[in-house]
PDB file of N, CA and C in Angstrom:
ATOM      1  N   MET A   1     159.416  61.091 -62.386  1.00  0.00           N
ATOM      2  CA  MET A   1     158.138  61.689 -62.146  1.00  0.00           C
ATOM      3  C   MET A   1     157.802  60.721 -60.919  1.00  0.00           C
ATOM      4  N   GLN A   2     158.144  60.097 -60.893  1.00  0.00           N
ATOM      5  CA  GLN A   2     157.598  58.539 -59.693  1.00  0.00           C
ATOM      6  C   GLN A   2     157.694  59.300 -58.227  1.00  0.00           C
ATOM      7  N   ALA A   3     158.477  60.174 -58.597  1.00  0.00           N
ATOM      8  CA  ALA A   3     158.944  60.730 -57.395  1.00  0.00           C
ATOM      9  C   ALA A   3     158.002  61.176 -56.980  1.00  0.00           C
ATOM     10  N   ALA A   4     157.848  62.458 -58.380  1.00  0.00           N
ATOM     11  CA  ALA A   4     156.975  63.649 -57.998  1.00  0.00           C
ATOM     12  C   ALA A   4     155.837  63.156 -57.630  1.00  0.00           C
ATOM     13  N   ILE A   5     155.128  61.981 -58.210  1.00  0.00           N
ATOM     14  CA  ILE A   5     153.618  61.432 -58.330  1.00  0.00           C
ATOM     15  C   ILE A   5     153.243  61.238 -56.246  1.00  0.00           C
ATOM     16  N   LYS A   6     153.809  60.784 -55.772  1.00  0.00           N
ATOM     17  CA  LYS A   6     155.060  60.253 -54.969  1.00  0.00           C
ATOM     18  C   LYS A   6     154.447  61.592 -53.594  1.00  0.00           C
ATOM     19  N   THR A   7     155.687  62.430 -54.123  1.00  0.00           N
ATOM     20  CA  THR A   7     155.286  63.511 -53.228  1.00  0.00           C
ATOM     21  C   THR A   7     153.867  64.480 -52.914  1.00  0.00           C
ATOM     22  N   LYS A   8     153.309  64.753 -54.129  1.00  0.00           N
ATOM     23  CA  LYS A   8     152.004  65.703 -54.301  1.00  0.00           C
ATOM     24  C   LYS A   8     150.939  64.696 -54.098  1.00  0.00           C
ATOM     25  N   TYR A   9     151.099  63.379 -54.719  1.00  0.00           N
ATOM     26  CA  TYR A   9     149.889  62.703 -54.004  1.00  0.00           C
ATOM     27  C   TYR A   9     149.626  61.754 -53.115  1.00  0.00           C
ATOM     28  N   GLY A  10     151.152  61.024 -52.507  1.00  0.00           N
ATOM     29  CA  GLY A  10     150.849  60.319 -52.271  1.00  0.00           C
ATOM     30  C   GLY A  10     150.684  58.242 -52.209  1.00  0.00           C
ATOM     31  N   ILE A  11     150.858  58.266 -54.239  1.00  0.00           N
ATOM     32  CA  ILE A  11     150.576  57.818 -54.462  1.00  0.00           C
ATOM     33  C   ILE A  11     151.746  56.718 -54.719  1.00  0.00           C
ATOM     34  N   THR A  12     152.084  55.589 -55.131  1.00  0.00           N
ATOM     35  CA  THR A  12     152.962  54.765 -55.645  1.00  0.00           C
ATOM     36  C   THR A  12     153.119  54.292 -57.112  1.00  0.00           C
ATOM     37  N   ALA A  13     153.557  54.914 -58.095  1.00  0.00           N
ATOM     38  CA  ALA A  13     153.164  55.366 -59.042  1.00  0.00           C
ATOM     39  C   ALA A  13     154.174  53.737 -59.605  1.00  0.00           C
ATOM     40  N   SER A  14     153.879  52.542 -60.657  1.00  0.00           N
ATOM     41  CA  SER A  14     154.373  52.003 -60.927  1.00  0.00           C
ATOM     42  C   SER A  14     154.885  51.188 -62.512  1.00  0.00           C
ATOM     43  N   LEU A  15     156.117  51.017 -62.806  1.00  0.00           N
ATOM     44  CA  LEU A  15     156.557  51.061 -63.617  1.00  0.00           C
ATOM     45  C   LEU A  15     156.209  49.469 -64.314  1.00  0.00           C
ATOM     46  N   ARG A  16     155.785  49.277 -65.729  1.00  0.00           N
ATOM     47  CA  ARG A  16     155.535  48.028 -66.503  1.00  0.00           C
ATOM     48  C   ARG A  16     156.724  48.770 -67.676  1.00  0.00           C
ATOM     49  N   GLU A  17     156.925  47.706 -67.846  1.00  0.00           N
ATOM     50  CA  GLU A  17     158.867  47.169 -68.878  1.00  0.00           C
ATOM     51  C   GLU A  17     157.931  47.141 -70.488  1.00  0.00           C
ATOM     52  N   GLY A  18     158.129  47.785 -71.045  1.00  0.00           N
ATOM     53  CA  GLY A  18     157.296  48.070 -72.933  1.00  0.00           C
ATOM     54  C   GLY A  18     158.850  47.702 -73.582  1.00  0.00           C
ATOM     55  N   ALA A  19     158.339  47.925 -75.112  1.00  0.00           N
ATOM     56  CA  ALA A  19     159.927  47.903 -75.648  1.00  0.00           C
ATOM     57  C   ALA A  19     159.610  48.625 -76.725  1.00  0.00           C
ATOM     58  N   GLY A  20     160.900  48.898 -77.068  1.00  0.00           N
ATOM     59  CA  GLY A  20     160.761  50.673 -78.620  1.00  0.00           C
ATOM     60  C   GLY A  20     161.000  51.720 -77.791  1.00  0.00           C
ATOM     61  N   GLY A  21     161.637  51.883 -76.136  1.00  0.00           N
ATOM     62  CA  GLY A  21     161.137  53.028 -76.739  1.00  0.00           C
ATOM     63  C   GLY A  21     159.950  53.823 -76.109  1.00  0.00           C
ATOM     64  N   ILE A  22     158.576  52.952 -76.010  1.00  0.00           N
ATOM     65  CA  ILE A  22     157.384  53.647 -75.611  1.00  0.00           C
ATOM     66  C   ILE A  22     157.397  54.039 -74.661  1.00  0.00           C
ATOM     67  N   PHE A  23     157.125  55.290 -74.128  1.00  0.00           N
ATOM     68  CA  PHE A  23     156.301  55.294 -72.656  1.00  0.00           C
ATOM     69  C   PHE A  23     155.220  55.383 -72.921  1.00  0.00           C
ATOM     70  N   GLU A  24     154.373  55.360 -71.483  1.00  0.00           N
ATOM     71  CA  GLU A  24     153.049  55.607 -71.645  1.00  0.00           C
ATOM     72  C   GLU A  24     153.042  55.463 -69.948  1.00  0.00           C
ATOM     73  N   VAL A  25     151.804  56.245 -70.528  1.00  0.00           N
ATOM     74  CA  VAL A  25     151.120  56.639 -68.975  1.00  0.00           C
ATOM     75  C   VAL A  25     149.513  56.317 -68.898  1.00  0.00           C
ATOM     76  N   SER A  26     149.546  55.120 -67.437  1.00  0.00           N
ATOM     77  CA  SER A  26     148.461  55.018 -67.428  1.00  0.00           C
ATOM     78  C   SER A  26     147.491  55.469 -66.125  1.00  0.00           C
ATOM     79  N   ILE A  27     146.391  55.140 -65.713  1.00  0.00           N
ATOM     80  CA  ILE A  27     146.176  55.797 -64.683  1.00  0.00           C
ATOM     81  C   ILE A  27     144.415  54.522 -64.781  1.00  0.00           C
ATOM     82  N   ASP A  28     144.371  53.961 -63.870  1.00  0.00           N
ATOM     83  CA  ASP A  28     143.214  52.837 -64.464  1.00  0.00           C
ATOM     84  C   ASP A  28     143.456  52.072 -65.118  1.00  0.00           C
ATOM     85  N   ASP A  29     144.416  51.861 -65.893  1.00  0.00           N
ATOM     86  CA  ASP A  29     144.696  50.389 -67.443  1.00  0.00           C
ATOM     87  C   ASP A  29     143.955  51.626 -68.338  1.00  0.00           C
ATOM     88  N   LYS A  30     143.823  52.827 -68.313  1.00  0.00           N
ATOM     89  CA  LYS A  30     143.521  54.066 -69.871  1.00  0.00           C
ATOM     90  C   LYS A  30     144.668  54.349 -69.773  1.00  0.00           C
ATOM     91  N   THR A  31     144.833  54.983 -70.981  1.00  0.00           N
ATOM     92  CA  THR A  31     146.140  55.560 -71.383  1.00  0.00           C
ATOM     93  C   THR A  31     145.757  56.900 -70.944  1.00  0.00           C
ATOM     94  N   VAL A  32     146.461  57.836 -71.041  1.00  0.00           N
ATOM     95  CA  VAL A  32     146.233  59.308 -70.972  1.00  0.00           C
ATOM     96  C   VAL A  32     147.558  59.895 -71.389  1.00  0.00           C
ATOM     97  N   TYR A  33     148.515  59.253 -71.537  1.00  0.00           N
ATOM     98  CA  TYR A  33     149.710  59.242 -71.934  1.00  0.00           C
ATOM     99  C   TYR A  33     150.726  58.178 -72.665  1.00  0.00           C
ATOM    100  N   SER A  34     150.882  59.158 -74.032  1.00  0.00           N
ATOM    101  CA  SER A  34     151.630  58.117 -74.677  1.00  0.00           C
ATOM    102  C   SER A  34     152.956  58.779 -75.276  1.00  0.00           C
ATOM    103  N   ASN A  35     154.112  58.847 -75.699  1.00  0.00           N
ATOM    104  CA  ASN A  35     154.952  59.191 -76.323  1.00  0.00           C
ATOM    105  C   ASN A  35     154.955  59.025 -77.871  1.00  0.00           C
ATOM    106  N   GLN A  36     153.721  58.143 -78.483  1.00  0.00           N
ATOM    107  CA  GLN A  36     153.972  57.900 -79.705  1.00  0.00           C
ATOM    108  C   GLN A  36     153.783  59.254 -80.545  1.00  0.00           C
ATOM    109  N   GLU A  37     152.468  59.665 -79.560  1.00  0.00           N
ATOM    110  CA  GLU A  37     151.969  61.019 -80.104  1.00  0.00           C
ATOM    111  C   GLU A  37     152.487  61.873 -79.738  1.00  0.00           C
ATOM    112  N   THR A  38     153.642  61.779 -79.042  1.00  0.00           N
ATOM    113  CA  THR A  38     154.388  63.890 -78.544  1.00  0.00           C
ATOM    114  C   THR A  38     155.808  63.713 -79.210  1.00  0.00           C
ATOM    115  N   TYR A  39     156.020  61.955 -79.474  1.00  0.00           N
ATOM    116  CA  TYR A  39     156.959  62.117 -79.361  1.00  0.00           C
ATOM    117  C   TYR A  39     158.239  62.408 -78.336  1.00  0.00           C
ATOM    118  N   ARG A  40     157.903  63.015 -77.221  1.00  0.00           N
ATOM    119  CA  ARG A  40     158.718  63.586 -76.339  1.00  0.00           C
ATOM    120  C   ARG A  40     157.995  63.262 -74.221  1.00  0.00           C
ATOM    121  N   PHE A  41     159.037  63.180 -73.771  1.00  0.00           N
ATOM    122  CA  PHE A  41     158.413  62.276 -72.160  1.00  0.00           C
ATOM    123  C   PHE A  41     158.239  63.912 -72.015  1.00  0.00           C
ATOM    124  N   PRO A  42     156.705  63.739 -71.335  1.00  0.00           N
ATOM    125  CA  PRO A  42     156.259  64.210 -70.037  1.00  0.00           C
ATOM    126  C   PRO A  42     156.494  65.201 -69.483  1.00  0.00           C
ATOM    127  N   THR A  43     156.013  66.233 -68.969  1.00  0.00           N
ATOM    128  CA  THR A  43     156.379  67.098 -67.992  1.00  0.00           C
ATOM    129  C   THR A  43     155.612  66.618 -66.302  1.00  0.00           C
ATOM    130  N   ASP A  44     155.861  66.387 -65.431  1.00  0.00           N
ATOM    131  CA  ASP A  44     155.302  66.232 -64.561  1.00  0.00           C
ATOM    132  C   ASP A  44     153.878  67.160 -64.020  1.00  0.00           C
ATOM    133  N   GLU A  45     153.904  68.337 -64.669  1.00  0.00           N
ATOM    134  CA  GLU A  45     152.556  68.854 -65.558  1.00  0.00           C
ATOM    135  C   GLU A  45     151.509  68.817 -66.353  1.00  0.00           C
ATOM    136  N   GLU A  46     152.066  67.774 -67.010  1.00  0.00           N
ATOM    137  CA  GLU A  46     150.524  67.079 -67.927  1.00  0.00           C
ATOM    138  C   GLU A  46     150.550  66.078 -67.234  1.00  0.00           C
ATOM    139  N   ILE A  47     151.181  65.589 -66.647  1.00  0.00           N
ATOM    140  CA  ILE A  47     150.398  64.154 -65.729  1.00  0.00           C
ATOM    141  C   ILE A  47     149.771  64.420 -64.803  1.00  0.00           C
ATOM    142  N   PHE A  48     150.476  65.585 -63.205  1.00  0.00           N
ATOM    143  CA  PHE A  48     149.429  65.936 -62.365  1.00  0.00           C
ATOM    144  C   PHE A  48     148.331  66.169 -62.954  1.00  0.00           C
ATOM    145  N   GLU A  49     147.619  67.236 -64.118  1.00  0.00           N
ATOM    146  CA  GLU A  49     146.909  67.686 -65.064  1.00  0.00           C
ATOM    147  C   GLU A  49     146.062  66.195 -65.224  1.00  0.00           C
ATOM    148  N   GLN A  50     146.190  65.032 -65.415  1.00  0.00           N
ATOM    149  CA  GLN A  50     145.710  63.858 -66.213  1.00  0.00           C
ATOM    150  C   GLN A  50     145.456  63.004 -65.117  1.00  0.00           C
ATOM    151  N   ILE A  51     145.889  63.324 -63.962  1.00  0.00           N
ATOM    152  CA  ILE A  51     145.522  62.300 -62.557  1.00  0.00           C
ATOM    153  C   ILE A  51     144.496  63.239 -61.797  1.00  0.00           C
ATOM    154  N   ASP A  52     144.573  64.630 -61.463  1.00  0.00           N
ATOM    155  CA  ASP A  52     143.349  65.918 -61.021  1.00  0.00           C
ATOM    156  C   ASP A  52     142.369  65.180 -62.199  1.00  0.00           C
ATOM    157  N   LYS A  53     142.630  65.257 -63.308  1.00  0.00           N
ATOM    158  CA  LYS A  53     141.150  64.906 -64.080  1.00  0.00           C
ATOM    159  C   LYS A  53     140.521  63.320 -63.761  1.00  0.00           C
ATOM    160  N   LYS A  54     141.237  62.655 -63.629  1.00  0.00           N
ATOM    161  CA  LYS A  54     141.192  61.087 -63.245  1.00  0.00           C
ATOM    162  C   LYS A  54     140.438  61.368 -61.154  1.00  0.00           C
ATOM    163  N   LYS A  55     140.959  61.967 -60.566  1.00  0.00           N
ATOM    164  CA  LYS A  55     140.227  62.245 -59.118  1.00  0.00           C
ATOM    165  C   LYS A  55     139.182  62.706 -59.371  1.00  0.00           C
ATOM    166  N   ALA A  56     138.423  63.954 -60.097  1.00  0.00           N
ATOM    167  CA  ALA A  56     137.439  64.970 -60.103  1.00  0.00           C
ATOM    168  C   ALA A  56     136.201  63.819 -60.299  1.00  0.00           C
TER     169      ALA A  56
END
């Protein structure tokens, strides 16, 4: 996913280590995706949608 974000937007995404298998995506310190709610890993398109919303 990091590579896909870099390719599409030129943004270098960073990884912050968490605990307990939690995977969250944040943009400007706001959580836009959490696997605690969906119980799965997001698709690139789901994250692209969130980035596009933030850029608008």
